[in-house]
């Protein structure tokens, strides 16, 4: 009899606890109020489109090789025939322009700080940036004065005789009418580095 005395209250307690637990979980996971996460105070990041590229080809005039450049789609390419043995390819984006001219013309030595003066055609530059093309050619974007204020840059090519212009690909020039920015020069340097012999 003493066992029955504790069994009934025990069973009632178990049933109450089970009903309470069932009600709790039904309210928590069942239909009812939907809580949305709090709004983020982080500003939205603008979505930028990926840059797409295109190929510009030219060259093959006289002893110069055919070549290919990779440029962003925002750059426009044109080819000018300057005569039966001369061609100029221009890639341009606003005031920024890269030209490659192939034809019959003389060359010169590119001189930098520490180089001795020479007899004969030469150009002296105070500063330069080394650029390696996809074909492994060593080029230098060369200038004198303030880089960002310059209206143009000469491109010299390293050969067994030193730094020379024109390059293996012809006379290459950067034109930056009214100066340039670090970003625009980096983009132009990347285009020059994409230069590949075909």
Protein backbone atom coordinates (compact mmCIF):
# COMPACT_ATOMS: atom_id res chain seq x y z
CA UNK A 1 0.00 0.00 0.00
CA UNK A 2 2.82 2.39 0.63
CA UNK A 3 3.98 1.96 -2.96
CA UNK A 4 0.57 3.03 -4.36
CA UNK A 5 0.70 6.05 -2.10
CA UNK A 6 3.81 7.36 -3.99
CA UNK A 7 3.03 6.00 -7.47
CA UNK A 8 -0.03 8.13 -8.21
CA UNK A 9 1.59 11.47 -7.27
CA UNK A 10 4.71 10.44 -9.17
CA UNK A 11 2.74 9.62 -12.35
CA UNK A 12 0.77 12.87 -12.06
CA UNK A 13 4.05 14.81 -11.78
CA UNK A 14 5.51 13.02 -14.83
CA UNK A 15 2.36 13.75 -16.87
CA UNK A 16 2.41 17.45 -15.88
CA UNK A 17 6.11 17.72 -16.82
CA UNK A 18 5.53 15.98 -20.18
CA UNK A 19 2.52 18.20 -21.00
CA UNK A 20 4.54 21.30 -20.05
CA UNK A 21 7.50 20.19 -22.19
CA UNK A 22 5.19 19.38 -25.10
CA UNK A 23 3.52 22.81 -24.83
CA UNK A 24 6.92 24.52 -24.67
CA UNK A 25 8.28 22.78 -27.77
CA UNK A 26 5.02 23.17 -29.70
CA UNK A 27 5.10 26.92 -29.03
CA UNK A 28 8.77 27.19 -29.92
CA UNK A 29 8.78 25.21 -33.17
CA UNK A 30 5.16 25.29 -34.22
CA UNK A 31 3.20 28.00 -36.06
CA UNK A 32 3.26 31.39 -34.44
CA UNK A 33 5.23 34.59 -34.49
CA UNK A 34 8.10 34.76 -37.00
CA UNK A 35 11.13 36.71 -35.85
CA UNK A 36 13.35 38.23 -38.52
CA UNK A 37 17.02 38.89 -37.85
CA UNK A 38 17.86 42.46 -36.92
CA UNK A 39 18.81 44.73 -39.83
CA UNK A 40 22.54 45.01 -40.40
CA UNK A 41 24.14 48.39 -39.87
CA UNK A 42 26.96 47.48 -42.32
CA UNK A 43 26.75 49.61 -45.47
CA UNK A 44 26.03 47.74 -48.70
CA UNK A 45 29.05 47.04 -50.87
CA UNK A 46 28.56 48.16 -54.46
CA UNK A 47 28.63 45.34 -56.96
CA UNK A 48 31.16 45.90 -59.72
CA UNK A 49 31.13 44.09 -63.02
CA UNK A 50 34.16 41.96 -63.80
CA UNK A 51 36.49 43.51 -66.35
CA UNK A 52 36.37 41.79 -69.74
CA UNK A 53 39.24 41.84 -72.19
CA UNK A 54 39.85 41.64 -75.93
CA UNK A 55 42.84 40.98 -78.17
CA UNK A 56 44.37 43.58 -80.51
CA UNK A 57 46.74 42.29 -83.20
CA UNK A 58 49.19 43.99 -85.51
CA UNK A 59 52.67 43.94 -86.89
CA UNK A 60 54.49 41.79 -89.39
CA UNK A 61 55.86 44.81 -91.27
CA UNK A 62 59.38 44.51 -92.70
CA UNK A 63 61.50 42.54 -90.19
CA UNK A 64 59.22 43.27 -87.20
CA UNK A 65 57.15 40.39 -85.80
CA UNK A 66 53.38 40.09 -85.63
CA UNK A 67 52.13 40.64 -82.08
CA UNK A 68 49.07 40.61 -79.87
CA UNK A 69 48.01 42.85 -76.96
CA UNK A 70 45.32 42.12 -74.38
CA UNK A 71 43.31 45.23 -73.47
CA UNK A 72 40.20 45.91 -71.37
CA UNK A 73 37.02 46.25 -73.46
CA UNK A 74 36.93 49.96 -72.58
CA UNK A 75 40.03 50.50 -74.77
CA UNK A 76 39.59 51.02 -78.52
CA UNK A 77 42.07 49.77 -81.10
CA UNK A 78 42.79 51.20 -84.56
CA UNK A 79 45.35 50.39 -87.24
CA UNK A 80 46.81 53.00 -89.58
CA UNK A 81 48.69 52.03 -92.72
CA UNK A 82 51.37 54.70 -93.12
CA UNK A 83 52.73 53.34 -96.40
CA UNK A 84 53.57 50.04 -98.07
CA UNK A 85 56.11 49.22 -95.34
CA UNK A 86 54.75 51.05 -92.31
CA UNK A 87 51.96 50.42 -89.82
CA UNK A 88 50.81 52.08 -86.61
CA UNK A 89 48.53 50.33 -84.10
CA UNK A 90 46.92 52.59 -81.51
CA UNK A 91 44.99 51.46 -78.42
CA UNK A 92 43.23 54.28 -76.66
CA UNK A 93 41.00 54.99 -73.67
CA UNK A 94 40.13 58.68 -73.25
CA UNK A 95 43.37 60.69 -72.94
CA UNK A 96 45.49 57.53 -72.58
CA UNK A 97 47.09 56.02 -75.67
CA UNK A 98 49.64 53.33 -76.50
CA UNK A 99 51.03 53.26 -80.04
CA UNK A 100 53.25 50.71 -81.76
CA UNK A 101 54.76 51.86 -85.07
CA UNK A 102 56.57 49.47 -87.39
CA UNK A 103 58.46 50.71 -90.43
CA UNK A 104 61.82 51.89 -91.67
CA UNK A 105 63.42 54.26 -89.18
CA UNK A 106 66.65 54.58 -87.25
CA UNK A 107 67.24 53.75 -83.64
CA UNK A 108 68.84 55.27 -80.58
CA UNK A 109 70.38 54.27 -77.27
CA UNK A 110 68.40 54.87 -74.05
CA UNK A 111 70.60 56.36 -71.33
CA UNK A 112 69.83 56.38 -67.60
CA UNK A 113 71.47 57.89 -64.50
CA UNK A 114 75.04 56.64 -64.29
CA UNK A 115 75.34 55.92 -68.05
CA UNK A 116 78.10 57.78 -69.90
CA UNK A 117 77.19 60.06 -72.80
CA UNK A 118 77.73 58.54 -76.23
CA UNK A 119 78.30 59.77 -79.76
CA UNK A 120 75.27 59.16 -81.94
CA UNK A 121 71.54 59.13 -81.40
CA UNK A 122 70.46 58.73 -77.80
CA UNK A 123 67.77 59.71 -75.35
CA UNK A 124 68.52 60.37 -71.68
CA UNK A 125 65.91 59.58 -69.05
CA UNK A 126 65.94 60.22 -65.30
CA UNK A 127 63.55 57.44 -64.30
CA UNK A 128 62.11 54.18 -65.57
CA UNK A 129 59.86 51.24 -64.73
CA UNK A 130 60.88 47.73 -65.83
CA UNK A 131 58.19 45.69 -67.60
CA UNK A 132 58.48 42.07 -68.76
CA UNK A 133 56.23 41.02 -71.65
CA UNK A 134 54.42 37.70 -72.02
CA UNK A 135 57.13 36.76 -74.53
CA UNK A 136 59.84 37.43 -71.91
CA UNK A 137 61.15 40.66 -73.44
CA UNK A 138 62.55 43.26 -71.02
CA UNK A 139 61.14 46.75 -71.62
CA UNK A 140 61.46 50.04 -69.75
CA UNK A 141 58.84 52.77 -69.57
CA UNK A 142 61.16 55.80 -69.41
CA UNK A 143 60.62 59.47 -68.47
CA UNK A 144 62.19 62.61 -67.08
CA UNK A 145 60.56 64.76 -64.37
CA UNK A 146 57.35 64.08 -62.47
CA UNK A 147 55.90 60.74 -63.62
CA UNK A 148 52.23 61.68 -63.06
CA UNK A 149 52.63 65.08 -64.77
CA UNK A 150 54.35 63.64 -67.86
CA UNK A 151 52.49 63.83 -71.20
CA UNK A 152 54.27 60.82 -72.60
CA UNK A 153 56.75 58.01 -72.04
CA UNK A 154 59.36 56.34 -74.23
CA UNK A 155 59.59 52.56 -74.26
CA UNK A 156 63.09 51.07 -74.50
CA UNK A 157 64.05 47.41 -75.06
CA UNK A 158 66.97 45.56 -73.50
CA UNK A 159 69.20 43.89 -76.06
CA UNK A 160 72.71 42.49 -75.95
CA UNK A 161 73.90 46.07 -76.62
CA UNK A 162 72.00 47.72 -73.75
CA UNK A 163 68.72 49.64 -73.72
CA UNK A 164 67.54 50.73 -77.16
CA UNK A 165 64.65 52.27 -79.05
CA UNK A 166 62.82 51.18 -81.09
CA UNK A 167 61.94 47.89 -79.45
CA UNK A 168 61.84 44.52 -81.17
CA UNK A 169 58.14 45.26 -81.87
CA UNK A 170 58.76 48.75 -83.30
CA UNK A 171 58.60 52.23 -81.81
CA UNK A 172 56.31 52.08 -78.74
CA UNK A 173 55.05 55.20 -77.01
CA UNK A 174 52.68 55.96 -74.13
CA UNK A 175 50.76 59.22 -74.50
CA UNK A 176 49.04 60.63 -71.41
CA UNK A 177 47.63 63.98 -72.44
CA UNK A 178 47.40 66.23 -69.41
CA UNK A 179 49.15 63.83 -67.04
CA UNK A 180 47.99 60.55 -65.56
CA UNK A 181 47.15 58.69 -62.37
CA UNK A 182 48.91 55.78 -60.72
CA UNK A 183 45.94 53.58 -61.66
CA UNK A 184 45.96 54.59 -65.35
CA UNK A 185 49.71 53.98 -65.62
CA UNK A 186 49.34 50.57 -63.95
CA UNK A 187 46.65 49.68 -66.51
CA UNK A 188 48.88 50.83 -69.39
CA UNK A 189 51.85 48.89 -67.97
CA UNK A 190 49.66 45.75 -67.76
CA UNK A 191 48.64 46.18 -71.42
CA UNK A 192 52.30 46.50 -72.43
CA UNK A 193 53.18 43.44 -70.32
CA UNK A 194 50.52 41.45 -72.26
CA UNK A 195 52.52 41.95 -75.48
CA UNK A 196 53.06 38.58 -77.14
CA UNK A 197 54.83 37.59 -80.37
CA UNK A 198 52.56 35.63 -82.70
